[in-house]
Amino acid sequence: MNAANEVWETYASAWKAEGAEAKRAALTRSVEGGAVYRDPLAECEGHEALIAYMLDFHQQVPGGHFETTYFLAHHGRSVAKWNMRDGQGRKIGDGVSFGEYAASGQLVAMTGFFDVAAGS
């Protein structure tokens, strides 16, 4: 596993982590404090806004998390394909995310792409 992949997996682990403190610990190791997260449903800047969004995700999908199925990185950028899993490990969605990394190796931008159900 290369450095970008390790950072990505640490970031992804924050989505599965229980509670704000565990999420904050994973983000501190993988994401710069002012990083921007975007997906079709939200845009968040900074750890605290992202943690709040992750906690909301867990309210909607208890135990929900993401499993990386494909990862490539070069020149401070990455692309990851993933499956969304519920608390029982059942696949409930999939998508692709794009990451941008600072010279420190931490993520500075994460953008997720996935289908949004009508009415969401």
C-alpha atoms as a PDB file:
ATOM      1  CA  MET A   1       0.000   0.000   0.000  1.00  0.00           C
ATOM      2  CA  ASN A   2       1.461   3.398  -0.953  1.00  0.00           C
ATOM      3  CA  ALA A   3       1.356   6.527   1.235  1.00  0.00           C
ATOM      4  CA  ALA A   4      -1.659   8.064  -0.531  1.00  0.00           C
ATOM      5  CA  ASN A   5      -3.573   4.812  -0.190  1.00  0.00           C
ATOM      6  CA  GLU A   6      -2.780   4.660   3.537  1.00  0.00           C
ATOM      7  CA  VAL A   7      -3.986   8.241   3.984  1.00  0.00           C
ATOM      8  CA  TRP A   8      -7.135   7.473   1.981  1.00  0.00           C
ATOM      9  CA  GLU A   9      -7.922   4.372   4.054  1.00  0.00           C
ATOM     10  CA  THR A  10      -7.399   6.309   7.296  1.00  0.00           C
ATOM     11  CA  TYR A  11      -9.805   8.978   6.012  1.00  0.00           C
ATOM     12  CA  ALA A  12     -12.308   6.287   4.951  1.00  0.00           C
ATOM     13  CA  SER A  13     -12.071   4.729   8.416  1.00  0.00           C
ATOM     14  CA  ALA A  14     -13.462   7.972   9.868  1.00  0.00           C
ATOM     15  CA  TRP A  15     -16.759   7.227   8.118  1.00  0.00           C
ATOM     16  CA  LYS A  16     -17.020   3.921   9.995  1.00  0.00           C
ATOM     17  CA  ALA A  17     -15.661   5.124  13.348  1.00  0.00           C
ATOM     18  CA  GLU A  18     -18.169   5.368  16.192  1.00  0.00           C
ATOM     19  CA  GLY A  19     -18.607   8.829  17.678  1.00  0.00           C
ATOM     20  CA  ALA A  20     -17.139  12.246  17.069  1.00  0.00           C
ATOM     21  CA  GLU A  21     -13.856  11.670  18.932  1.00  0.00           C
ATOM     22  CA  ALA A  22     -12.956   8.541  16.947  1.00  0.00           C
ATOM     23  CA  LYS A  23     -13.835  10.324  13.700  1.00  0.00           C
ATOM     24  CA  ARG A  24     -11.744  13.355  14.758  1.00  0.00           C
ATOM     25  CA  ALA A  25      -8.746  11.115  15.531  1.00  0.00           C
ATOM     26  CA  ALA A  26      -8.862   9.505  12.056  1.00  0.00           C
ATOM     27  CA  LEU A  27      -9.313  12.865  10.329  1.00  0.00           C
ATOM     28  CA  THR A  28      -6.440  14.450  12.270  1.00  0.00           C
ATOM     29  CA  ARG A  29      -4.123  11.763  10.882  1.00  0.00           C
ATOM     30  CA  SER A  30      -5.374  11.994   7.280  1.00  0.00           C
ATOM     31  CA  VAL A  31      -7.056  15.316   6.452  1.00  0.00           C
ATOM     32  CA  GLU A  32      -5.805  18.900   6.817  1.00  0.00           C
ATOM     33  CA  GLY A  33      -7.924  21.055   9.120  1.00  0.00           C
ATOM     34  CA  GLY A  34      -9.307  23.296   6.373  1.00  0.00           C
ATOM     35  CA  ALA A  35      -9.992  20.542   3.841  1.00  0.00           C
ATOM     36  CA  VAL A  36     -13.145  20.703   1.741  1.00  0.00           C
ATOM     37  CA  TYR A  37     -15.475  17.728   1.267  1.00  0.00           C
ATOM     38  CA  ARG A  38     -18.101  17.685  -1.493  1.00  0.00           C
ATOM     39  CA  ASP A  39     -20.702  15.189  -2.666  1.00  0.00           C
ATOM     40  CA  PRO A  40     -24.058  15.573  -4.450  1.00  0.00           C
ATOM     41  CA  LEU A  41     -25.801  16.226  -1.112  1.00  0.00           C
ATOM     42  CA  ALA A  42     -23.365  18.419   0.816  1.00  0.00           C
ATOM     43  CA  GLU A  43     -20.299  20.625   0.944  1.00  0.00           C
ATOM     44  CA  CYS A  44     -18.317  20.810   4.188  1.00  0.00           C
ATOM     45  CA  GLU A  45     -15.181  22.720   5.117  1.00  0.00           C
ATOM     46  CA  GLY A  46     -13.015  21.658   8.033  1.00  0.00           C
ATOM     47  CA  HIS A  47     -12.994  18.724  10.407  1.00  0.00           C
ATOM     48  CA  GLU A  48     -15.946  19.771  12.566  1.00  0.00           C
ATOM     49  CA  ALA A  49     -18.332  20.260   9.630  1.00  0.00           C
ATOM     50  CA  LEU A  50     -17.261  16.939   8.130  1.00  0.00           C
ATOM     51  CA  ILE A  51     -17.665  15.162  11.472  1.00  0.00           C
ATOM     52  CA  ALA A  52     -21.195  16.567  11.787  1.00  0.00           C
ATOM     53  CA  TYR A  53     -22.004  15.288   8.280  1.00  0.00           C
ATOM     54  CA  MET A  54     -20.555  11.861   9.110  1.00  0.00           C
ATOM     55  CA  LEU A  55     -22.600  11.689  12.316  1.00  0.00           C
ATOM     56  CA  ASP A  56     -25.730  12.575  10.330  1.00  0.00           C
ATOM     57  CA  PHE A  57     -24.864   9.783   7.879  1.00  0.00           C
ATOM     58  CA  HIS A  58     -24.710   7.358  10.828  1.00  0.00           C
ATOM     59  CA  GLN A  59     -28.143   8.529  11.988  1.00  0.00           C
ATOM     60  CA  GLN A  60     -29.520   7.642   8.550  1.00  0.00           C
ATOM     61  CA  VAL A  61     -27.449   4.458   8.081  1.00  0.00           C
ATOM     62  CA  PRO A  62     -26.488   3.001  11.481  1.00  0.00           C
ATOM     63  CA  GLY A  63     -23.105   1.320  11.162  1.00  0.00           C
ATOM     64  CA  GLY A  64     -22.762   2.602   7.591  1.00  0.00           C
ATOM     65  CA  HIS A  65     -19.300   2.697   6.106  1.00  0.00           C
ATOM     66  CA  PHE A  66     -17.317   2.601   2.878  1.00  0.00           C
ATOM     67  CA  GLU A  67     -15.144  -0.150   1.431  1.00  0.00           C
ATOM     68  CA  THR A  68     -12.547   0.897  -1.147  1.00  0.00           C
ATOM     69  CA  THR A  69     -12.612  -1.484  -4.108  1.00  0.00           C
ATOM     70  CA  TYR A  70     -10.131   0.312  -6.404  1.00  0.00           C
ATOM     71  CA  PHE A  71      -7.527   3.005  -5.785  1.00  0.00           C
ATOM     72  CA  LEU A  72      -5.039   4.858  -8.010  1.00  0.00           C
ATOM     73  CA  ALA A  73      -2.911   7.898  -7.173  1.00  0.00           C
ATOM     74  CA  HIS A  74      -0.326  10.151  -8.803  1.00  0.00           C
ATOM     75  CA  HIS A  75       0.891  13.764  -8.610  1.00  0.00           C
ATOM     76  CA  GLY A  76      -1.025  14.548  -5.437  1.00  0.00           C
ATOM     77  CA  ARG A  77      -4.359  13.255  -6.734  1.00  0.00           C
ATOM     78  CA  SER A  78      -6.274  10.009  -6.286  1.00  0.00           C
ATOM     79  CA  VAL A  79      -9.368   8.235  -7.463  1.00  0.00           C
ATOM     80  CA  ALA A  80     -11.126   5.570  -5.424  1.00  0.00           C
ATOM     81  CA  LYS A  81     -14.079   3.367  -6.272  1.00  0.00           C
ATOM     82  CA  TRP A  82     -16.059   2.249  -3.250  1.00  0.00           C
ATOM     83  CA  ASN A  83     -19.066   0.368  -1.977  1.00  0.00           C
ATOM     84  CA  MET A  84     -21.304   1.772   0.734  1.00  0.00           C
ATOM     85  CA  ARG A  85     -22.197  -0.883   3.312  1.00  0.00           C
ATOM     86  CA  ASP A  86     -24.797  -0.882   6.062  1.00  0.00           C
ATOM     87  CA  GLY A  87     -24.120  -1.978   9.636  1.00  0.00           C
ATOM     88  CA  GLN A  88     -24.609  -5.625   8.656  1.00  0.00           C
ATOM     89  CA  GLY A  89     -22.084  -5.329   5.816  1.00  0.00           C
ATOM     90  CA  ARG A  90     -24.664  -5.401   3.012  1.00  0.00           C
ATOM     91  CA  LYS A  91     -23.839  -3.314  -0.056  1.00  0.00           C
ATOM     92  CA  ILE A  92     -26.360  -0.480  -0.305  1.00  0.00           C
ATOM     93  CA  GLY A  93     -24.632   1.764  -2.849  1.00  0.00           C
ATOM     94  CA  ASP A  94     -21.447   2.534  -4.743  1.00  0.00           C
ATOM     95  CA  GLY A  95     -19.570   5.472  -6.113  1.00  0.00           C
ATOM     96  CA  VAL A  96     -16.276   7.113  -6.947  1.00  0.00           C
ATOM     97  CA  SER A  97     -14.272   9.685  -5.016  1.00  0.00           C
ATOM     98  CA  PHE A  98     -11.501  12.052  -6.047  1.00  0.00           C
ATOM     99  CA  GLY A  99      -8.875  13.175  -3.544  1.00  0.00           C
ATOM    100  CA  GLU A 100      -6.315  15.980  -3.581  1.00  0.00           C
ATOM    101  CA  TYR A 101      -3.275  15.872  -1.290  1.00  0.00           C
ATOM    102  CA  ALA A 102      -1.093  18.595   0.223  1.00  0.00           C
ATOM    103  CA  ALA A 103       2.700  18.397   0.229  1.00  0.00           C
ATOM    104  CA  SER A 104       2.307  17.031   3.792  1.00  0.00           C
ATOM    105  CA  GLY A 105       0.548  14.008   2.313  1.00  0.00           C
ATOM    106  CA  GLN A 106      -2.764  14.821   3.990  1.00  0.00           C
ATOM    107  CA  LEU A 107      -5.968  15.256   2.017  1.00  0.00           C
ATOM    108  CA  VAL A 108      -7.041  18.830   1.259  1.00  0.00           C
ATOM    109  CA  ALA A 109     -10.097  18.021  -0.868  1.00  0.00           C
ATOM    110  CA  MET A 110     -12.368  15.019  -1.201  1.00  0.00           C
ATOM    111  CA  THR A 111     -15.162  14.849  -3.773  1.00  0.00           C
ATOM    112  CA  GLY A 112     -17.615  11.961  -3.890  1.00  0.00           C
ATOM    113  CA  PHE A 113     -19.739  11.005  -6.876  1.00  0.00           C
ATOM    114  CA  PHE A 114     -22.784   8.746  -6.569  1.00  0.00           C
ATOM    115  CA  ASP A 115     -26.351   8.434  -7.796  1.00  0.00           C
ATOM    116  CA  VAL A 116     -28.869  10.338  -5.703  1.00  0.00           C
ATOM    117  CA  ALA A 117     -32.349   8.878  -5.301  1.00  0.00           C
ATOM    118  CA  ALA A 118     -35.211  11.035  -6.591  1.00  0.00           C
ATOM    119  CA  GLY A 119     -36.460  13.377  -3.880  1.00  0.00           C
ATOM    120  CA  SER A 120     -33.169  13.429  -1.939  1.00  0.00           C
END
